[in-house]
């Protein structure tokens, strides 16, 4: 009996630790991108799951990493939003024949009514991701509350588990694009091959009209036989 009880105790303890770890991870201010593909346009959703301790949230300041130059914040009815611009040491090409001398360095959302602890909101930014596959983008975020603040700015060192950090910064890693074009071309070639095969295949004549023709002939012959028999019987009766 002792062995099963020990196993049950260990299992229960493990389940509790996993639950605590999950709740801790979900309690972080995090970023959830709809895509991480290099060079793509993405919607970055920053989740604000709670206050500072039990204090309501009044402001969220999101610092934008240098590889990103342009950001469009989504209007949230519960917040006022501001783009804070910073000057560039060296102007860069804007992709439209001009040059950028400044970029969006920070997005600040200020709550029109403090967001109570225990209530969640989402703040969404639209931006174009860099082209460098494997690059990690860090968005240090400061959550200001009616009492105190939480600075989500910690970055894991090499070999360190990010889950061990108390206040990890929201991060995302740029990934390579899926080979969707090649996949689409393969499907097109497959469809074209099927069409060519369908056209090239010899059309076999249907046996249905031939069967119907033989049935008609048989019925006609039977009608002639019956008609002849009736004629003979009639002649005999007259004789």
Protein backbone atom coordinates (compact mmCIF):
# COMPACT_ATOMS: atom_id res chain seq x y z
CA UNK A 1 0.00 0.00 0.00
CA UNK A 2 2.82 2.43 0.77
CA UNK A 3 4.22 2.28 -2.76
CA UNK A 4 0.95 3.27 -4.51
CA UNK A 5 0.39 6.04 -1.97
CA UNK A 6 3.88 7.41 -2.61
CA UNK A 7 3.28 7.37 -6.35
CA UNK A 8 -0.02 9.20 -5.94
CA UNK A 9 1.66 11.81 -3.75
CA UNK A 10 4.42 12.41 -6.31
CA UNK A 11 1.88 12.64 -9.14
CA UNK A 12 -0.21 15.16 -7.23
CA UNK A 13 2.84 17.26 -6.42
CA UNK A 14 3.96 17.20 -10.06
CA UNK A 15 0.50 18.25 -11.24
CA UNK A 16 0.49 21.14 -8.78
CA UNK A 17 3.91 22.35 -9.93
CA UNK A 18 2.87 22.19 -13.58
CA UNK A 19 -0.29 24.14 -12.83
CA UNK A 20 1.68 26.78 -10.97
CA UNK A 21 4.18 27.01 -13.84
CA UNK A 22 1.39 27.39 -16.38
CA UNK A 23 -0.35 30.07 -14.35
CA UNK A 24 2.95 31.89 -13.90
CA UNK A 25 3.68 31.85 -17.61
CA UNK A 26 0.20 33.08 -18.50
CA UNK A 27 0.58 35.92 -15.98
CA UNK A 28 3.40 37.54 -17.97
CA UNK A 29 2.86 40.47 -20.29
CA UNK A 30 3.62 38.69 -23.56
CA UNK A 31 3.52 39.20 -27.32
CA UNK A 32 1.52 36.92 -29.60
CA UNK A 33 2.30 37.51 -33.31
CA UNK A 34 -0.06 36.26 -36.02
CA UNK A 35 3.06 35.48 -38.07
CA UNK A 36 6.83 35.47 -37.52
CA UNK A 37 7.78 35.08 -41.19
CA UNK A 38 10.74 37.21 -42.26
CA UNK A 39 9.76 40.33 -44.19
CA UNK A 40 6.03 39.85 -43.61
CA UNK A 41 3.48 42.26 -42.18
CA UNK A 42 2.41 41.10 -38.74
CA UNK A 43 -0.10 41.90 -36.01
CA UNK A 44 1.56 41.79 -32.61
CA UNK A 45 -0.88 41.30 -29.73
CA UNK A 46 0.43 42.30 -26.30
CA UNK A 47 -1.60 40.69 -23.52
CA UNK A 48 -2.01 42.50 -20.20
CA UNK A 49 -3.38 39.79 -17.88
CA UNK A 50 -3.28 41.46 -14.45
CA UNK A 51 -2.24 44.50 -12.48
CA UNK A 52 0.82 45.16 -10.33
CA UNK A 53 0.10 42.97 -7.37
CA UNK A 54 -3.53 43.86 -6.79
CA UNK A 55 -3.27 47.40 -8.16
CA UNK A 56 -5.10 48.42 -11.36
CA UNK A 57 -3.11 49.14 -14.54
CA UNK A 58 -3.02 52.74 -15.75
CA UNK A 59 -0.40 52.69 -18.52
CA UNK A 60 1.54 50.25 -20.71
CA UNK A 61 4.71 51.44 -22.49
CA UNK A 62 6.09 49.15 -25.20
CA UNK A 63 9.61 49.82 -26.47
CA UNK A 64 10.12 48.98 -30.16
CA UNK A 65 13.39 47.22 -31.12
CA UNK A 66 15.69 49.06 -33.55
CA UNK A 67 15.23 46.70 -36.54
CA UNK A 68 11.61 47.89 -36.69
CA UNK A 69 11.20 51.42 -38.02
CA UNK A 70 7.45 51.78 -38.51
CA UNK A 71 4.58 50.72 -36.25
CA UNK A 72 0.85 51.33 -36.50
CA UNK A 73 -0.92 50.93 -33.15
CA UNK A 74 -4.49 49.65 -33.16
CA UNK A 75 -7.01 51.97 -31.53
CA UNK A 76 -8.43 50.45 -28.35
CA UNK A 77 -11.60 52.12 -27.01
CA UNK A 78 -10.41 51.77 -23.42
CA UNK A 79 -7.04 53.42 -24.00
CA UNK A 80 -5.42 56.56 -25.39
CA UNK A 81 -2.40 55.73 -27.55
CA UNK A 82 0.72 57.69 -28.47
CA UNK A 83 3.67 57.03 -30.79
CA UNK A 84 6.99 58.25 -29.40
CA UNK A 85 9.48 59.00 -32.20
CA UNK A 86 13.28 58.82 -31.90
CA UNK A 87 15.89 60.23 -34.30
CA UNK A 88 18.03 57.91 -36.39
CA UNK A 89 21.78 58.44 -36.25
CA UNK A 90 21.95 57.55 -39.95
CA UNK A 91 18.98 58.04 -42.30
CA UNK A 92 17.70 54.86 -43.94
CA UNK A 93 15.81 54.08 -47.13
CA UNK A 94 12.05 54.14 -46.60
CA UNK A 95 11.43 51.81 -49.55
CA UNK A 96 9.57 54.47 -51.51
CA UNK A 97 12.42 56.53 -52.87
CA UNK A 98 12.82 58.65 -49.74
CA UNK A 99 14.71 58.46 -46.46
CA UNK A 100 13.69 58.04 -42.85
CA UNK A 101 15.33 60.29 -40.28
CA UNK A 102 13.33 58.98 -37.33
CA UNK A 103 11.49 55.85 -36.28
CA UNK A 104 8.87 54.75 -33.76
CA UNK A 105 10.81 54.06 -30.56
CA UNK A 106 7.92 53.46 -28.19
CA UNK A 107 4.16 52.98 -28.10
CA UNK A 108 2.39 54.21 -24.99
CA UNK A 109 -1.15 53.11 -24.10
CA UNK A 110 -2.79 55.08 -21.27
CA UNK A 111 -5.95 53.63 -19.75
CA UNK A 112 -8.99 55.92 -19.84
CA UNK A 113 -10.23 53.98 -16.84
CA UNK A 114 -7.74 51.87 -14.81
CA UNK A 115 -7.78 48.18 -15.79
CA UNK A 116 -8.54 46.29 -12.54
CA UNK A 117 -6.33 43.45 -11.40
CA UNK A 118 -7.85 40.15 -12.50
CA UNK A 119 -9.08 41.57 -15.81
CA UNK A 120 -7.29 41.17 -19.12
CA UNK A 121 -6.91 43.39 -22.17
CA UNK A 122 -5.03 43.14 -25.47
CA UNK A 123 -3.07 45.87 -27.24
CA UNK A 124 -2.34 45.25 -30.95
CA UNK A 125 0.43 46.71 -33.10
CA UNK A 126 0.84 46.35 -36.85
CA UNK A 127 4.35 46.32 -38.31
CA UNK A 128 6.63 44.88 -40.98
CA UNK A 129 9.04 42.30 -39.61
CA UNK A 130 12.76 42.37 -40.50
CA UNK A 131 14.17 40.07 -43.18
CA UNK A 132 16.79 38.39 -40.98
CA UNK A 133 15.77 34.81 -40.22
CA UNK A 134 16.64 33.74 -36.68
CA UNK A 135 16.77 37.28 -35.29
CA UNK A 136 15.16 37.70 -31.88
CA UNK A 137 13.17 40.88 -31.28
CA UNK A 138 12.80 42.09 -27.70
CA UNK A 139 9.98 44.45 -26.66
CA UNK A 140 10.79 45.74 -23.14
CA UNK A 141 7.44 46.72 -21.63
CA UNK A 142 6.71 48.76 -18.52
CA UNK A 143 3.31 48.29 -16.89
CA UNK A 144 2.41 51.24 -14.66
CA UNK A 145 -0.29 50.82 -12.02
CA UNK A 146 -2.10 53.00 -9.51
CA UNK A 147 0.39 51.70 -6.98
CA UNK A 148 3.81 50.68 -8.30
CA UNK A 149 4.82 49.23 -11.66
CA UNK A 150 6.06 46.02 -13.28
CA UNK A 151 9.00 46.37 -15.67
CA UNK A 152 8.85 43.44 -18.08
CA UNK A 153 12.39 43.98 -19.35
CA UNK A 154 14.43 40.93 -18.34
CA UNK A 155 16.11 38.95 -21.12
CA UNK A 156 17.45 35.43 -20.58
CA UNK A 157 21.21 35.08 -20.84
CA UNK A 158 22.74 32.34 -22.99
CA UNK A 159 21.86 28.99 -21.47
CA UNK A 160 19.31 30.51 -19.07
CA UNK A 161 15.70 29.36 -19.07
CA UNK A 162 13.40 32.35 -19.78
CA UNK A 163 10.79 30.74 -17.52
CA UNK A 164 13.13 31.31 -14.58
CA UNK A 165 12.88 35.09 -14.99
CA UNK A 166 10.56 37.06 -12.74
CA UNK A 167 9.73 39.78 -15.27
CA UNK A 168 10.65 38.52 -18.76
CA UNK A 169 10.37 40.93 -21.68
CA UNK A 170 8.04 39.97 -24.54
CA UNK A 171 10.11 38.42 -27.35
CA UNK A 172 9.63 36.82 -30.77
CA UNK A 173 12.01 35.15 -33.22
CA UNK A 174 11.93 35.71 -36.98
CA UNK A 175 11.36 32.52 -38.96
CA UNK A 176 11.82 31.50 -42.59
CA UNK A 177 8.90 31.61 -45.00
CA UNK A 178 7.27 28.31 -45.83
CA UNK A 179 7.79 27.15 -49.41
CA UNK A 180 4.20 27.96 -50.28
CA UNK A 181 5.02 28.94 -53.87
CA UNK A 182 6.69 25.61 -54.62
CA UNK A 183 3.83 23.78 -52.98
CA UNK A 184 1.33 25.71 -55.09
CA UNK A 185 3.29 25.03 -58.28
CA UNK A 186 3.35 21.31 -57.48
CA UNK A 187 -0.43 21.31 -57.06
CA UNK A 188 -0.82 23.17 -60.40
CA UNK A 189 1.43 20.71 -62.22
CA UNK A 190 -0.51 17.83 -60.69
CA UNK A 191 -3.81 19.32 -61.84
CA UNK A 192 -2.44 19.95 -65.35
CA UNK A 193 -1.11 16.39 -65.56
CA UNK A 194 -4.49 15.02 -64.57
CA UNK A 195 -6.13 17.15 -67.26
CA UNK A 196 -3.67 15.99 -69.93
CA UNK A 197 -4.21 12.36 -68.94
CA UNK A 198 -7.95 12.82 -69.15
CA UNK A 199 -7.68 14.36 -72.64
CA UNK A 200 -5.16 11.80 -73.91
CA UNK A 201 -7.06 8.77 -72.63
CA UNK A 202 -9.02 7.00 -75.44
CA UNK A 203 -12.74 7.36 -75.15
CA UNK A 204 -14.27 3.91 -74.89
CA UNK A 205 -17.59 3.57 -76.74
CA UNK A 206 -20.51 2.98 -74.47
CA UNK A 207 -22.16 -0.45 -74.72
CA UNK A 208 -25.55 0.92 -73.66
CA UNK A 209 -26.80 1.99 -77.15
CA UNK A 210 -25.72 -1.39 -78.59
CA UNK A 211 -27.66 -3.29 -75.93
CA UNK A 212 -30.74 -1.17 -76.54
CA UNK A 213 -30.46 -1.84 -80.29
CA UNK A 214 -30.38 -5.63 -79.78
CA UNK A 215 -33.36 -5.41 -77.42
CA UNK A 216 -35.31 -3.50 -80.07
CA UNK A 217 -34.41 -6.09 -82.71
CA UNK A 218 -35.48 -8.94 -80.42
CA UNK A 219 -38.80 -7.28 -79.62
CA UNK A 220 -39.42 -6.65 -83.31
CA UNK A 221 -38.70 -10.28 -84.16
CA UNK A 222 -41.01 -11.47 -81.39
CA UNK A 223 -43.75 -9.20 -82.72
CA UNK A 224 -43.37 -10.68 -86.19
CA UNK A 225 -43.57 -14.23 -84.87
CA UNK A 226 -46.69 -13.51 -82.83
CA UNK A 227 -48.26 -11.70 -85.76
CA UNK A 228 -47.54 -14.61 -88.08
CA UNK A 229 -49.00 -17.14 -85.66
CA UNK A 230 -52.17 -15.11 -85.31
CA UNK A 231 -52.49 -14.88 -89.09
CA UNK A 232 -52.16 -18.68 -89.48
CA UNK A 233 -54.78 -19.35 -86.79
CA UNK A 234 -57.13 -16.95 -88.51
CA UNK A 235 -56.77 -18.68 -91.85
CA UNK A 236 -57.45 -22.09 -90.29
CA UNK A 237 -60.59 -20.91 -88.57
CA UNK A 238 -61.91 -19.52 -91.83
CA UNK A 239 -61.19 -22.79 -93.63
